[in-house]
Amino acid sequence: GITLSLQKPCLVLVTGPNGAGKTTLIETCLGLLKPFRGRVRLFGIDTRSKKIVYARRLCSYVPQDFMKPPHESYTVRQVIAMGLAASKSAFEPFTRSDERNIIEVARLLGIEDLLDRPIGKLSGGQQQRVFIARALVRKPYALFLDEPFSSIDRDSRFYIAELLKKYVVRNKIFAMIVSHDINPVKGLPDIAIELVDGVVKEVVEN
């Protein structure tokens, strides 16, 4: 029951009650789930094709289940750097430019002072900022975020929502945000999609 054609630059909000199919939609767009019928294309590539891996390299995805356990020893710097792995060959070292990009996105997300801390020792909100930073550091053409405000305090939600909108406009990319809390992004999306029971109930364009 979903027919959509979305183009960049564009910020899309997908909302709806629990069980509406929001996460299923975002993972189907990325080709992580395959459609039983109909077609899904990402950058023109059918998500059932083996070539979808090339299209997916142009994307960043922040899933809903991001939390790492307390014993996780990777530092914040290392986790953000993982976002650059898809653009490098095996054993290719990180450059000074890479390090500058890591520091820049950490500063944007307010976690620059946490770069050498183990991610497992951070709060849920801090971890969420780290994974948003990892998504941005690779400079994606498309950005998919599933409940990116769930663990972040109320005031910071508005800041991060504004940051994501500015990032979309400045870099002319596509971003899809799945969120049941629409307050932080009110007035920001170019398109708002409401899902109910796996079908599109309403599409609002700003």
C-alpha atoms as a PDB file:
ATOM      1  CA  GLY A   1       0.000   0.000   0.000  1.00  0.00           C
ATOM      2  CA  ILE A   2       2.970   2.346  -0.374  1.00  0.00           C
ATOM      3  CA  THR A   3       3.749   4.234  -3.558  1.00  0.00           C
ATOM      4  CA  LEU A   4       6.379   6.949  -3.207  1.00  0.00           C
ATOM      5  CA  SER A   5       8.995   8.653  -5.340  1.00  0.00           C
ATOM      6  CA  LEU A   6      11.391  10.790  -3.310  1.00  0.00           C
ATOM      7  CA  GLN A   7      14.256  12.874  -4.667  1.00  0.00           C
ATOM      8  CA  LYS A   8      17.116  14.836  -3.148  1.00  0.00           C
ATOM      9  CA  PRO A   9      17.561  17.416  -1.772  1.00  0.00           C
ATOM     10  CA  CYS A  10      14.722  16.591   0.569  1.00  0.00           C
ATOM     11  CA  LEU A  11      14.045  15.956   4.255  1.00  0.00           C
ATOM     12  CA  VAL A  12      11.284  13.389   4.753  1.00  0.00           C
ATOM     13  CA  LEU A  13       9.586  12.625   8.058  1.00  0.00           C
ATOM     14  CA  VAL A  14       7.886   9.251   8.458  1.00  0.00           C
ATOM     15  CA  THR A  15       5.570   9.026  11.442  1.00  0.00           C
ATOM     16  CA  GLY A  16       2.779   6.823  12.734  1.00  0.00           C
ATOM     17  CA  PRO A  17       1.837   4.583  15.682  1.00  0.00           C
ATOM     18  CA  ASN A  18       3.873   1.601  16.875  1.00  0.00           C
ATOM     19  CA  GLY A  19       3.619  -1.281  14.427  1.00  0.00           C
ATOM     20  CA  ALA A  20       2.673   1.014  11.519  1.00  0.00           C
ATOM     21  CA  GLY A  21       5.599  -0.215   9.405  1.00  0.00           C
ATOM     22  CA  LYS A  22       8.003   2.747   9.801  1.00  0.00           C
ATOM     23  CA  THR A  23      11.136   0.689  10.409  1.00  0.00           C
ATOM     24  CA  THR A  24      10.051  -1.827   7.760  1.00  0.00           C
ATOM     25  CA  LEU A  25       9.749   1.037   5.256  1.00  0.00           C
ATOM     26  CA  ILE A  26      13.187   2.468   5.993  1.00  0.00           C
ATOM     27  CA  GLU A  27      14.858  -0.965   5.792  1.00  0.00           C
ATOM     28  CA  THR A  28      13.015  -1.748   2.559  1.00  0.00           C
ATOM     29  CA  CYS A  29      14.219   1.537   1.056  1.00  0.00           C
ATOM     30  CA  LEU A  30      17.792   0.478   1.888  1.00  0.00           C
ATOM     31  CA  GLY A  31      17.334  -3.011   0.466  1.00  0.00           C
ATOM     32  CA  LEU A  32      17.873  -4.666   3.855  1.00  0.00           C
ATOM     33  CA  LEU A  33      14.376  -6.113   3.435  1.00  0.00           C
ATOM     34  CA  LYS A  34      13.149  -7.241   0.004  1.00  0.00           C
ATOM     35  CA  PRO A  35       9.605  -6.500  -1.206  1.00  0.00           C
ATOM     36  CA  PHE A  36       7.285  -9.464  -1.743  1.00  0.00           C
ATOM     37  CA  ARG A  37       5.626  -7.583  -4.593  1.00  0.00           C
ATOM     38  CA  GLY A  38       6.161  -4.312  -6.383  1.00  0.00           C
ATOM     39  CA  ARG A  39       9.537  -2.665  -6.854  1.00  0.00           C
ATOM     40  CA  VAL A  40      11.836  -0.561  -4.732  1.00  0.00           C
ATOM     41  CA  ARG A  41      14.701   1.397  -6.265  1.00  0.00           C
ATOM     42  CA  LEU A  42      17.499   3.201  -4.470  1.00  0.00           C
ATOM     43  CA  PHE A  43      19.336   5.654  -6.742  1.00  0.00           C
ATOM     44  CA  GLY A  44      17.656   3.856  -9.621  1.00  0.00           C
ATOM     45  CA  ILE A  45      18.931   0.414  -8.625  1.00  0.00           C
ATOM     46  CA  ASP A  46      16.417  -2.340  -7.865  1.00  0.00           C
ATOM     47  CA  THR A  47      16.941  -3.338  -4.232  1.00  0.00           C
ATOM     48  CA  ARG A  48      16.651  -7.036  -5.195  1.00  0.00           C
ATOM     49  CA  SER A  49      19.666  -6.682  -7.494  1.00  0.00           C
ATOM     50  CA  LYS A  50      23.176  -7.573  -6.319  1.00  0.00           C
ATOM     51  CA  LYS A  51      24.191  -4.076  -7.405  1.00  0.00           C
ATOM     52  CA  ILE A  52      22.258  -2.640  -4.460  1.00  0.00           C
ATOM     53  CA  VAL A  53      25.455  -2.896  -2.372  1.00  0.00           C
ATOM     54  CA  TYR A  54      26.943  -0.091  -4.500  1.00  0.00           C
ATOM     55  CA  ALA A  55      23.927   2.141  -3.953  1.00  0.00           C
ATOM     56  CA  ARG A  56      23.968   1.404  -0.234  1.00  0.00           C
ATOM     57  CA  ARG A  57      27.556   2.677  -0.008  1.00  0.00           C
ATOM     58  CA  LEU A  58      26.188   6.122  -0.840  1.00  0.00           C
ATOM     59  CA  CYS A  59      23.919   5.969   2.228  1.00  0.00           C
ATOM     60  CA  SER A  60      24.217   6.186   5.982  1.00  0.00           C
ATOM     61  CA  TYR A  61      21.802   4.453   8.335  1.00  0.00           C
ATOM     62  CA  VAL A  62      21.308   4.996  12.060  1.00  0.00           C
ATOM     63  CA  PRO A  63      19.129   2.117  13.317  1.00  0.00           C
ATOM     64  CA  GLN A  64      16.861   2.215  16.323  1.00  0.00           C
ATOM     65  CA  ASP A  65      18.800  -0.412  18.308  1.00  0.00           C
ATOM     66  CA  PHE A  66      22.091   1.479  18.585  1.00  0.00           C
ATOM     67  CA  MET A  67      22.991   0.983  22.273  1.00  0.00           C
ATOM     68  CA  LYS A  68      26.334  -0.662  23.051  1.00  0.00           C
ATOM     69  CA  PRO A  69      26.956  -2.590  26.305  1.00  0.00           C
ATOM     70  CA  PRO A  70      29.186  -1.174  29.093  1.00  0.00           C
ATOM     71  CA  HIS A  71      32.080  -3.516  28.207  1.00  0.00           C
ATOM     72  CA  GLU A  72      32.315  -2.166  24.613  1.00  0.00           C
ATOM     73  CA  SER A  73      35.848  -0.737  24.455  1.00  0.00           C
ATOM     74  CA  TYR A  74      35.903   1.030  21.063  1.00  0.00           C
ATOM     75  CA  THR A  75      36.488   4.734  21.581  1.00  0.00           C
ATOM     76  CA  VAL A  76      34.132   7.378  20.224  1.00  0.00           C
ATOM     77  CA  ARG A  77      36.839   8.360  17.713  1.00  0.00           C
ATOM     78  CA  GLN A  78      37.085   4.767  16.457  1.00  0.00           C
ATOM     79  CA  VAL A  79      33.307   4.379  16.160  1.00  0.00           C
ATOM     80  CA  ILE A  80      32.959   7.591  14.135  1.00  0.00           C
ATOM     81  CA  ALA A  81      35.905   6.506  11.955  1.00  0.00           C
ATOM     82  CA  MET A  82      34.007   3.295  11.078  1.00  0.00           C
ATOM     83  CA  GLY A  83      31.732   5.498   8.987  1.00  0.00           C
ATOM     84  CA  LEU A  84      34.651   6.066   6.612  1.00  0.00           C
ATOM     85  CA  ALA A  85      35.425   2.356   6.131  1.00  0.00           C
ATOM     86  CA  ALA A  86      33.165   1.916   3.070  1.00  0.00           C
ATOM     87  CA  SER A  87      35.169   4.506   1.130  1.00  0.00           C
ATOM     88  CA  LYS A  88      38.540   2.862   1.826  1.00  0.00           C
ATOM     89  CA  SER A  89      40.259  -0.257   0.605  1.00  0.00           C
ATOM     90  CA  ALA A  90      41.537  -2.889   3.018  1.00  0.00           C
ATOM     91  CA  PHE A  91      44.379  -1.635   5.262  1.00  0.00           C
ATOM     92  CA  GLU A  92      44.206   1.864   3.767  1.00  0.00           C
ATOM     93  CA  PRO A  93      45.272   4.265   6.541  1.00  0.00           C
ATOM     94  CA  PHE A  94      43.258   7.236   7.725  1.00  0.00           C
ATOM     95  CA  THR A  95      44.510  10.619   6.557  1.00  0.00           C
ATOM     96  CA  ARG A  96      44.773  13.990   8.281  1.00  0.00           C
ATOM     97  CA  SER A  97      41.710  15.010   6.288  1.00  0.00           C
ATOM     98  CA  ASP A  98      39.817  12.043   7.753  1.00  0.00           C
ATOM     99  CA  GLU A  99      40.835  13.088  11.254  1.00  0.00           C
ATOM    100  CA  ARG A 100      39.681  16.664  10.593  1.00  0.00           C
ATOM    101  CA  ASN A 101      36.304  15.328   9.385  1.00  0.00           C
ATOM    102  CA  ILE A 102      35.956  13.200  12.531  1.00  0.00           C
ATOM    103  CA  ILE A 103      36.677  16.172  14.786  1.00  0.00           C
ATOM    104  CA  GLU A 104      34.331  18.407  12.771  1.00  0.00           C
ATOM    105  CA  VAL A 105      31.290  16.114  13.075  1.00  0.00           C
ATOM    106  CA  ALA A 106      32.094  15.446  16.739  1.00  0.00           C
ATOM    107  CA  ARG A 107      32.079  19.194  17.324  1.00  0.00           C
ATOM    108  CA  LEU A 108      28.768  19.527  15.459  1.00  0.00           C
ATOM    109  CA  LEU A 109      27.170  16.902  17.698  1.00  0.00           C
ATOM    110  CA  GLY A 110      28.695  18.293  20.888  1.00  0.00           C
ATOM    111  CA  ILE A 111      30.821  15.216  21.614  1.00  0.00           C
ATOM    112  CA  GLU A 112      34.308  16.503  20.811  1.00  0.00           C
ATOM    113  CA  ASP A 113      35.367  16.077  24.459  1.00  0.00           C
ATOM    114  CA  LEU A 114      34.306  12.404  24.359  1.00  0.00           C
ATOM    115  CA  LEU A 115      36.471  11.291  21.418  1.00  0.00           C
ATOM    116  CA  ASP A 116      38.833   9.175  23.525  1.00  0.00           C
ATOM    117  CA  ARG A 117      36.158   7.706  25.824  1.00  0.00           C
ATOM    118  CA  PRO A 118      34.981   4.076  25.388  1.00  0.00           C
ATOM    119  CA  ILE A 119      31.523   4.179  23.827  1.00  0.00           C
ATOM    120  CA  GLY A 120      30.211   1.596  26.304  1.00  0.00           C
ATOM    121  CA  LYS A 121      30.769   4.060  29.151  1.00  0.00           C
ATOM    122  CA  LEU A 122      28.543   6.744  27.612  1.00  0.00           C
ATOM    123  CA  SER A 123      24.885   7.483  28.312  1.00  0.00           C
ATOM    124  CA  GLY A 124      22.207   6.541  25.783  1.00  0.00           C
ATOM    125  CA  GLY A 125      21.924  10.111  24.542  1.00  0.00           C
ATOM    126  CA  GLN A 126      25.691  10.433  24.096  1.00  0.00           C
ATOM    127  CA  GLN A 127      25.849   7.134  22.208  1.00  0.00           C
ATOM    128  CA  GLN A 128      23.046   8.278  19.932  1.00  0.00           C
ATOM    129  CA  ARG A 129      25.006  11.433  19.083  1.00  0.00           C
ATOM    130  CA  VAL A 130      28.059   9.297  18.292  1.00  0.00           C
ATOM    131  CA  PHE A 131      26.151   7.164  15.791  1.00  0.00           C
ATOM    132  CA  ILE A 132      24.646  10.226  14.117  1.00  0.00           C
ATOM    133  CA  ALA A 133      28.211  11.570  13.837  1.00  0.00           C
ATOM    134  CA  ARG A 134      29.333   8.256  12.304  1.00  0.00           C
ATOM    135  CA  ALA A 135      26.528   8.555   9.754  1.00  0.00           C
ATOM    136  CA  LEU A 136      27.483  12.115   8.801  1.00  0.00           C
ATOM    137  CA  VAL A 137      31.266  11.673   8.630  1.00  0.00           C
ATOM    138  CA  ARG A 138      31.028   9.600   5.452  1.00  0.00           C
ATOM    139  CA  LYS A 139      29.208  12.494   3.706  1.00  0.00           C
ATOM    140  CA  PRO A 140      26.337  10.362   2.399  1.00  0.00           C
ATOM    141  CA  TYR A 141      24.082  11.146  -0.540  1.00  0.00           C
ATOM    142  CA  ALA A 142      21.167   9.690   1.434  1.00  0.00           C
ATOM    143  CA  LEU A 143      20.707   9.545   5.181  1.00  0.00           C
ATOM    144  CA  PHE A 144      18.264   7.240   6.984  1.00  0.00           C
ATOM    145  CA  LEU A 145      17.597   7.696  10.709  1.00  0.00           C
ATOM    146  CA  ASP A 146      15.262   5.478  12.742  1.00  0.00           C
ATOM    147  CA  GLU A 147      14.054   7.254  15.923  1.00  0.00           C
ATOM    148  CA  PRO A 148      17.194   9.459  16.177  1.00  0.00           C
ATOM    149  CA  PHE A 149      15.821  11.452  19.137  1.00  0.00           C
ATOM    150  CA  SER A 150      14.734   8.556  21.365  1.00  0.00           C
ATOM    151  CA  SER A 151      17.519   8.855  23.978  1.00  0.00           C
ATOM    152  CA  ILE A 152      18.404  12.528  23.562  1.00  0.00           C
ATOM    153  CA  ASP A 153      17.180  15.158  26.025  1.00  0.00           C
ATOM    154  CA  ARG A 154      14.339  17.423  24.917  1.00  0.00           C
ATOM    155  CA  ASP A 155      16.349  20.613  24.275  1.00  0.00           C
ATOM    156  CA  SER A 156      19.032  18.755  22.300  1.00  0.00           C
ATOM    157  CA  ARG A 157      16.393  17.144  20.064  1.00  0.00           C
ATOM    158  CA  PHE A 158      15.526  20.516  18.565  1.00  0.00           C
ATOM    159  CA  TYR A 159      19.205  21.371  18.020  1.00  0.00           C
ATOM    160  CA  ILE A 160      19.925  18.058  16.271  1.00  0.00           C
ATOM    161  CA  ALA A 161      16.768  18.308  14.145  1.00  0.00           C
ATOM    162  CA  GLU A 162      17.865  21.769  12.969  1.00  0.00           C
ATOM    163  CA  LEU A 163      21.382  20.461  12.362  1.00  0.00           C
ATOM    164  CA  LEU A 164      20.052  17.646  10.154  1.00  0.00           C
ATOM    165  CA  LYS A 165      17.863  20.063   8.168  1.00  0.00           C
ATOM    166  CA  LYS A 166      20.834  22.393   7.568  1.00  0.00           C
ATOM    167  CA  TYR A 167      22.969  19.406   6.565  1.00  0.00           C
ATOM    168  CA  VAL A 168      20.386  18.331   3.973  1.00  0.00           C
ATOM    169  CA  VAL A 169      20.127  21.834   2.496  1.00  0.00           C
ATOM    170  CA  ARG A 170      23.859  22.583   2.521  1.00  0.00           C
ATOM    171  CA  ASN A 171      24.934  19.247   1.021  1.00  0.00           C
ATOM    172  CA  LYS A 172      21.871  18.787  -1.238  1.00  0.00           C
ATOM    173  CA  ILE A 173      21.223  15.261   0.022  1.00  0.00           C
ATOM    174  CA  PHE A 174      18.161  13.148   0.828  1.00  0.00           C
ATOM    175  CA  ALA A 175      17.288  12.313   4.436  1.00  0.00           C
ATOM    176  CA  MET A 176      14.501  10.172   5.860  1.00  0.00           C
ATOM    177  CA  ILE A 177      13.740  10.463   9.573  1.00  0.00           C
ATOM    178  CA  VAL A 178      11.451   7.944  11.255  1.00  0.00           C
ATOM    179  CA  SER A 179      10.080   9.399  14.478  1.00  0.00           C
ATOM    180  CA  HIS A 180       6.947   9.040  16.573  1.00  0.00           C
ATOM    181  CA  ASP A 181       7.862  12.369  18.246  1.00  0.00           C
ATOM    182  CA  ILE A 182       7.251  15.043  15.615  1.00  0.00           C
ATOM    183  CA  ASN A 183       7.833  18.048  17.894  1.00  0.00           C
ATOM    184  CA  PRO A 184      11.604  18.409  17.275  1.00  0.00           C
ATOM    185  CA  VAL A 185      11.138  18.421  13.488  1.00  0.00           C
ATOM    186  CA  LYS A 186       7.944  20.480  13.306  1.00  0.00           C
ATOM    187  CA  GLY A 187       8.102  22.756  10.267  1.00  0.00           C
ATOM    188  CA  LEU A 188      11.407  21.278   9.037  1.00  0.00           C
ATOM    189  CA  PRO A 189      10.470  18.359   6.708  1.00  0.00           C
ATOM    190  CA  ASP A 190       9.829  18.968   3.019  1.00  0.00           C
ATOM    191  CA  ILE A 191       7.501  15.956   3.094  1.00  0.00           C
ATOM    192  CA  ALA A 192       5.715  14.327   6.043  1.00  0.00           C
ATOM    193  CA  ILE A 193       4.362  10.799   5.597  1.00  0.00           C
ATOM    194  CA  GLU A 194       1.964   9.177   8.053  1.00  0.00           C
ATOM    195  CA  LEU A 195       1.842   5.381   8.043  1.00  0.00           C
ATOM    196  CA  VAL A 196      -0.967   3.337   9.575  1.00  0.00           C
ATOM    197  CA  ASP A 197      -1.051  -0.475   9.393  1.00  0.00           C
ATOM    198  CA  GLY A 198       1.568  -0.572   6.661  1.00  0.00           C
ATOM    199  CA  VAL A 199      -0.123   1.864   4.282  1.00  0.00           C
ATOM    200  CA  VAL A 200       0.299   5.573   3.642  1.00  0.00           C
ATOM    201  CA  LYS A 201      -2.557   7.404   5.352  1.00  0.00           C
ATOM    202  CA  GLU A 202      -1.409  10.922   4.512  1.00  0.00           C
ATOM    203  CA  VAL A 203       1.380  12.764   2.661  1.00  0.00           C
ATOM    204  CA  VAL A 204       1.909  16.450   3.425  1.00  0.00           C
ATOM    205  CA  GLU A 205       4.318  18.578   1.409  1.00  0.00           C
ATOM    206  CA  ASN A 206       5.681  21.849   2.791  1.00  0.00           C
END
